[in-house]
Amino acid sequence: MIEYPQYKKPFYALSKQNSQKVGFSFIRLITLVTILPILGIIAYIVFKGAGSITWEFLTAMPSDGMRAGGILPAIVGTFYLMIGTAIFSIPLGIAAGIYLSEYAADNRWTRLIRIAIVSLAGVPSVVYGLFGLGLFVLFFKFGISILSASLTLSIMTLPVIISTTEESLRSVPYRFRVVGVSLGGTQWQTIRRVILPQALPGIVTGIILGLERAVGETAPILFTGATFFLPHLPGSPMDATMALPYHIYVISTQVPGMPSGIQYGTVLVLLAFVLGMNLIASLIRSRARARRQW
């Protein structure tokens, strides 16, 4: 009986496998170190604020200098600001992303535009707030209002929506465009009926990321639309409004003797608001990816 020598992996292959194991272990460790503090913060907020979440807290008007009552004006105001931001930023952001991805030539001008968009995404929110104060509140005379705040938040949100829309459209294989045009469709028909549906998951992700940032910002609405105390709901886009981020800032720093339960309860409501948007976006992305053809 012939005995064949046992095959042994060369040293470099073993070294490569060990390096991969070490690398994967390091990535898992970094992921754990990143996730655990976040989960700890969420758990602490839930523990401190869950006892304050009642029907009255969510539906009543604030009273006693905001030390009692509810936070309904802040919840409604945040929802109005989100809707206003979406109305102005989503159509413009998607249209700009389509133009840069499908129509614009790759030249110095478009490269300059892309650099400007990336730079605007990193501008501090307080700068947007001062810009909105000068342009919408003072120059256009919209005053401290939901309209001024929504327009300011829209400008802040646009770079994220434009960038993610452009990248999502570019990720769709080029053969989809070739087939659409070869079947007799115009470029716009191909984009609207073929490319956009395939890029929908990424576009939705960019929209939600932009709106989440807008919902959680304090500085822009501080200068353009938020008010310290409002015992009633706003009646028009030209009215000022309360909002959850600014309300949290006020009750945490400007109101002496504020019960901590109200503070953490308000933070928990804002956290639920943001996580709810994430959940809706995840459901939309999952259904869109299930229908994707590549």
Protein backbone atom coordinates (compact mmCIF):
# COMPACT_ATOMS: atom_id res chain seq x y z
CA MET A 1 0.00 0.00 0.00
CA ILE A 2 1.42 3.29 -1.06
CA GLU A 3 1.44 6.00 1.60
CA TYR A 4 1.21 9.52 0.34
CA PRO A 5 2.88 12.24 2.32
CA GLN A 6 0.40 14.37 4.29
CA TYR A 7 -0.17 17.74 2.72
CA LYS A 8 0.80 20.62 4.94
CA LYS A 9 -0.22 24.15 4.32
CA PRO A 10 2.70 26.45 3.70
CA PHE A 11 3.72 28.84 6.43
CA TYR A 12 2.51 31.92 4.56
CA ALA A 13 -1.02 30.43 4.26
CA LEU A 14 -1.16 29.71 7.99
CA SER A 15 0.14 33.19 8.72
CA LYS A 16 -2.56 34.68 6.47
CA GLN A 17 -5.31 32.69 8.23
CA ASN A 18 -4.05 33.76 11.64
CA SER A 19 -3.92 37.37 10.50
CA GLN A 20 -7.54 37.15 9.32
CA LYS A 21 -8.66 35.65 12.62
CA VAL A 22 -6.89 38.40 14.55
CA GLY A 23 -8.39 41.03 12.27
CA PHE A 24 -11.94 39.65 12.63
CA SER A 25 -11.53 39.42 16.39
CA PHE A 26 -10.35 43.03 16.52
CA ILE A 27 -13.33 44.16 14.42
CA ARG A 28 -15.74 42.31 16.72
CA LEU A 29 -14.10 43.91 19.75
CA ILE A 30 -14.36 47.41 18.24
CA THR A 31 -18.02 46.76 17.36
CA LEU A 32 -18.76 45.62 20.89
CA VAL A 33 -16.96 48.62 22.40
CA THR A 34 -18.98 50.92 20.12
CA ILE A 35 -22.39 49.33 20.67
CA LEU A 36 -22.28 48.76 24.43
CA PRO A 37 -22.07 52.46 25.43
CA ILE A 38 -24.92 53.30 23.05
CA LEU A 39 -27.09 50.55 24.48
CA GLY A 40 -26.14 51.68 27.98
CA ILE A 41 -27.19 55.25 27.26
CA ILE A 42 -30.52 54.11 25.77
CA ALA A 43 -31.17 51.81 28.72
CA TYR A 44 -30.37 54.61 31.20
CA ILE A 45 -32.73 57.04 29.42
CA VAL A 46 -35.50 54.44 29.37
CA PHE A 47 -34.94 53.66 33.06
CA LYS A 48 -35.03 57.31 34.10
CA GLY A 49 -37.78 58.52 31.78
CA ALA A 50 -40.23 55.65 31.34
CA GLY A 51 -42.05 56.49 34.59
CA SER A 52 -42.95 59.94 33.27
CA ILE A 53 -44.51 58.73 30.02
CA THR A 54 -48.25 58.99 30.57
CA TRP A 55 -51.13 59.98 28.36
CA GLU A 56 -51.34 63.35 30.09
CA PHE A 57 -47.61 63.92 29.59
CA LEU A 58 -47.96 63.33 25.84
CA THR A 59 -51.21 65.21 25.24
CA ALA A 60 -51.38 68.06 27.78
CA MET A 61 -50.09 71.60 27.58
CA PRO A 62 -47.14 72.61 29.81
CA SER A 63 -47.95 74.44 33.01
CA ASP A 64 -46.29 75.81 36.15
CA GLY A 65 -43.34 77.16 34.19
CA MET A 66 -43.04 73.81 32.34
CA ARG A 67 -42.51 71.96 35.64
CA ALA A 68 -45.86 70.22 35.19
CA GLY A 69 -48.33 69.31 32.47
CA GLY A 70 -47.29 67.80 29.18
CA ILE A 71 -45.18 68.37 26.10
CA LEU A 72 -47.80 68.29 23.35
CA PRO A 73 -46.71 71.63 21.75
CA ALA A 74 -43.11 70.38 21.53
CA ILE A 75 -44.18 67.09 19.93
CA VAL A 76 -46.47 68.77 17.41
CA GLY A 77 -43.88 71.47 16.67
CA THR A 78 -41.19 68.86 15.99
CA PHE A 79 -43.56 67.05 13.64
CA TYR A 80 -44.37 70.31 11.80
CA LEU A 81 -40.67 71.11 11.42
CA MET A 82 -39.95 67.63 10.07
CA ILE A 83 -42.80 67.88 7.55
CA GLY A 84 -41.71 71.36 6.46
CA THR A 85 -38.12 70.23 6.06
CA ALA A 86 -39.21 67.22 4.01
CA ILE A 87 -41.39 69.35 1.72
CA PHE A 88 -38.52 71.67 0.80
CA SER A 89 -35.51 69.35 0.90
CA ILE A 90 -36.65 66.01 -0.56
CA PRO A 91 -37.75 67.20 -4.06
CA LEU A 92 -34.75 69.52 -4.44
CA GLY A 93 -32.27 66.96 -3.08
CA ILE A 94 -33.50 64.13 -5.31
CA ALA A 95 -33.65 66.39 -8.38
CA ALA A 96 -30.09 67.63 -7.79
CA GLY A 97 -28.86 64.06 -7.24
CA ILE A 98 -30.50 62.93 -10.51
CA TYR A 99 -28.94 65.80 -12.42
CA LEU A 100 -25.43 65.19 -11.06
CA SER A 101 -25.65 61.44 -11.65
CA GLU A 102 -27.48 61.18 -14.96
CA TYR A 103 -27.23 64.49 -16.84
CA ALA A 104 -24.23 66.53 -15.71
CA ALA A 105 -20.94 66.13 -17.57
CA ASP A 106 -17.85 65.20 -15.60
CA ASN A 107 -15.98 68.49 -15.77
CA ARG A 108 -14.40 71.03 -13.47
CA TRP A 109 -17.74 72.69 -12.71
CA THR A 110 -19.49 69.52 -11.54
CA ARG A 111 -16.44 68.46 -9.51
CA LEU A 112 -16.51 71.86 -7.83
CA ILE A 113 -20.22 71.39 -7.06
CA ARG A 114 -19.57 67.98 -5.49
CA ILE A 115 -16.77 69.40 -3.33
CA ALA A 116 -19.10 72.19 -2.21
CA ILE A 117 -21.83 69.67 -1.31
CA VAL A 118 -19.43 67.58 0.76
CA SER A 119 -18.12 70.72 2.46
CA LEU A 120 -21.63 71.93 3.29
CA ALA A 121 -22.41 68.58 4.94
CA GLY A 122 -19.69 69.32 7.50
CA VAL A 123 -20.67 72.90 8.34
CA PRO A 124 -21.67 73.28 12.03
CA SER A 125 -25.39 73.63 12.57
CA VAL A 126 -25.01 76.95 14.40
CA VAL A 127 -23.68 78.45 11.15
CA TYR A 128 -26.85 77.34 9.36
CA GLY A 129 -28.85 78.89 12.18
CA LEU A 130 -27.15 82.27 11.77
CA PHE A 131 -27.56 82.05 7.99
CA GLY A 132 -31.27 81.31 8.39
CA LEU A 133 -31.61 84.20 10.83
CA GLY A 134 -30.07 86.64 8.38
CA LEU A 135 -31.78 85.37 5.23
CA PHE A 136 -35.24 84.11 6.16
CA VAL A 137 -35.99 85.88 9.43
CA LEU A 138 -34.54 89.34 8.66
CA PHE A 139 -34.11 89.68 4.89
CA PHE A 140 -37.29 87.93 3.71
CA LYS A 141 -39.08 89.02 6.90
CA PHE A 142 -40.60 85.61 7.63
CA GLY A 143 -39.89 86.26 11.30
CA ILE A 144 -39.36 83.61 13.97
CA SER A 145 -41.62 81.00 12.44
CA ILE A 146 -42.03 77.39 11.38
CA LEU A 147 -41.39 78.48 7.78
CA SER A 148 -38.04 80.08 8.60
CA ALA A 149 -36.94 77.09 10.66
CA SER A 150 -38.06 74.59 8.00
CA LEU A 151 -36.19 76.42 5.25
CA THR A 152 -33.06 76.59 7.38
CA LEU A 153 -33.22 72.90 8.25
CA SER A 154 -33.85 72.11 4.57
CA ILE A 155 -30.61 73.83 3.55
CA MET A 156 -28.78 71.87 6.23
CA THR A 157 -30.35 68.60 5.07
CA LEU A 158 -29.84 69.02 1.33
CA PRO A 159 -26.15 67.94 1.15
CA VAL A 160 -26.91 64.57 2.74
CA ILE A 161 -29.88 63.87 0.45
CA ILE A 162 -28.02 64.99 -2.68
CA SER A 163 -24.93 62.90 -1.94
CA THR A 164 -26.80 59.71 -1.06
CA THR A 165 -29.16 60.09 -4.03
CA GLU A 166 -26.28 60.51 -6.45
CA GLU A 167 -24.36 57.54 -5.04
CA SER A 168 -27.48 55.35 -5.05
CA LEU A 169 -28.20 56.16 -8.69
CA ARG A 170 -24.58 55.54 -9.68
CA SER A 171 -24.67 52.14 -8.00
CA VAL A 172 -27.41 50.91 -10.39
CA PRO A 173 -25.71 48.89 -13.18
CA TYR A 174 -25.26 50.74 -16.46
CA ARG A 175 -26.94 47.93 -18.40
CA PHE A 176 -30.31 49.05 -16.98
CA ARG A 177 -29.90 52.35 -18.78
CA VAL A 178 -28.80 50.72 -22.02
CA VAL A 179 -31.74 48.33 -22.05
CA GLY A 180 -34.25 51.08 -21.24
CA VAL A 181 -33.05 53.31 -24.08
CA SER A 182 -32.79 50.38 -26.53
CA LEU A 183 -36.46 49.53 -25.90
CA GLY A 184 -37.48 52.98 -27.08
CA GLY A 185 -37.70 54.86 -23.79
CA THR A 186 -36.32 58.33 -23.36
CA GLN A 187 -33.61 59.03 -20.83
CA TRP A 188 -36.11 60.51 -18.38
CA GLN A 189 -38.51 57.56 -18.79
CA THR A 190 -35.64 55.16 -18.10
CA ILE A 191 -34.62 57.11 -15.01
CA ARG A 192 -38.16 57.43 -13.66
CA ARG A 193 -39.37 53.90 -14.32
CA VAL A 194 -36.18 51.83 -14.02
CA ILE A 195 -33.29 53.60 -12.30
CA LEU A 196 -35.15 55.38 -9.50
CA PRO A 197 -37.03 52.28 -8.26
CA GLN A 198 -33.77 50.31 -8.17
CA ALA A 199 -31.99 53.10 -6.24
CA LEU A 200 -34.88 53.65 -3.81
CA PRO A 201 -33.29 51.91 -0.75
CA GLY A 202 -30.26 54.20 -0.80
CA ILE A 203 -32.32 57.30 -1.48
CA VAL A 204 -34.64 56.52 1.43
CA THR A 205 -31.62 56.01 3.67
CA GLY A 206 -30.28 59.45 2.75
CA ILE A 207 -33.65 61.10 3.32
CA ILE A 208 -34.06 59.53 6.75
CA LEU A 209 -30.50 60.42 7.77
CA GLY A 210 -31.06 64.02 6.74
CA LEU A 211 -34.42 64.32 8.47
CA GLU A 212 -33.07 62.69 11.63
CA ARG A 213 -30.33 65.28 11.79
CA ALA A 214 -32.89 68.04 11.27
CA VAL A 215 -35.20 66.66 13.99
CA GLY A 216 -32.40 66.50 16.55
CA GLU A 217 -30.79 69.90 15.94
CA THR A 218 -31.18 72.76 18.39
CA ALA A 219 -29.03 75.65 17.08
CA PRO A 220 -30.84 76.28 13.75
CA ILE A 221 -34.32 76.39 15.28
CA LEU A 222 -33.03 78.42 18.23
CA PHE A 223 -32.37 81.34 15.86
CA THR A 224 -35.22 80.86 13.40
CA GLY A 225 -38.35 79.21 14.77
CA ALA A 226 -38.30 77.85 18.32
CA THR A 227 -39.81 79.61 21.30
CA PHE A 228 -39.22 79.18 25.02
CA PHE A 229 -42.80 78.55 26.09
CA LEU A 230 -45.99 78.17 24.06
CA PRO A 231 -49.17 77.09 25.90
CA HIS A 232 -51.02 76.43 22.62
CA LEU A 233 -50.41 74.83 19.25
CA PRO A 234 -49.16 76.92 16.30
CA GLY A 235 -51.92 77.95 13.93
CA SER A 236 -49.95 78.63 10.72
CA PRO A 237 -46.45 78.26 9.20
CA MET A 238 -45.77 81.87 10.15
CA ASP A 239 -46.10 81.13 13.89
CA ALA A 240 -43.27 80.21 16.22
CA THR A 241 -43.32 76.78 17.78
CA MET A 242 -41.90 74.68 20.54
CA ALA A 243 -39.71 71.73 19.53
CA LEU A 244 -38.36 68.76 21.43
CA PRO A 245 -34.59 69.50 21.05
CA TYR A 246 -34.94 73.11 22.18
CA HIS A 247 -37.42 72.13 24.88
CA ILE A 248 -34.90 69.63 26.28
CA TYR A 249 -32.23 72.34 26.31
CA VAL A 250 -34.53 74.80 28.09
CA ILE A 251 -35.79 72.46 30.81
CA SER A 252 -32.27 71.16 31.43
CA THR A 253 -30.49 74.52 31.72
CA GLN A 254 -32.98 77.38 32.12
CA VAL A 255 -35.68 76.12 34.49
CA PRO A 256 -34.64 75.74 38.14
CA GLY A 257 -36.20 72.93 40.12
CA MET A 258 -37.19 70.94 37.05
CA PRO A 259 -37.98 67.30 37.98
CA SER A 260 -35.50 64.94 36.36
CA GLY A 261 -38.32 62.61 35.32
CA ILE A 262 -39.73 65.25 32.97
CA GLN A 263 -36.29 65.87 31.51
CA TYR A 264 -35.58 62.21 30.80
CA GLY A 265 -39.17 61.61 29.70
CA THR A 266 -38.81 64.33 27.06
CA VAL A 267 -35.50 62.87 25.91
CA LEU A 268 -37.15 59.45 25.69
CA VAL A 269 -39.93 60.85 23.49
CA LEU A 270 -37.36 62.39 21.11
CA LEU A 271 -35.41 59.14 21.09
CA ALA A 272 -38.56 57.19 20.25
CA PHE A 273 -39.31 59.71 17.50
CA VAL A 274 -35.91 59.14 15.89
CA LEU A 275 -35.93 55.36 16.34
CA GLY A 276 -39.43 55.24 14.86
CA MET A 277 -38.16 57.01 11.75
CA ASN A 278 -35.34 54.47 11.54
CA LEU A 279 -37.81 51.61 11.80
CA ILE A 280 -40.00 53.00 9.03
CA ALA A 281 -36.93 53.52 6.84
CA SER A 282 -35.77 49.96 7.49
CA LEU A 283 -39.15 48.56 6.46
CA ILE A 284 -39.18 50.62 3.27
CA ARG A 285 -35.61 49.57 2.43
CA SER A 286 -36.38 45.90 3.06
CA ARG A 287 -39.40 45.90 0.76
CA ALA A 288 -37.53 47.84 -1.93
CA ARG A 289 -34.53 45.50 -1.80
CA ALA A 290 -36.81 42.49 -2.08
CA ARG A 291 -38.09 43.86 -5.40
CA ARG A 292 -34.65 44.88 -6.65
CA GLN A 293 -33.49 43.02 -9.74
CA TRP A 294 -29.74 42.98 -9.18
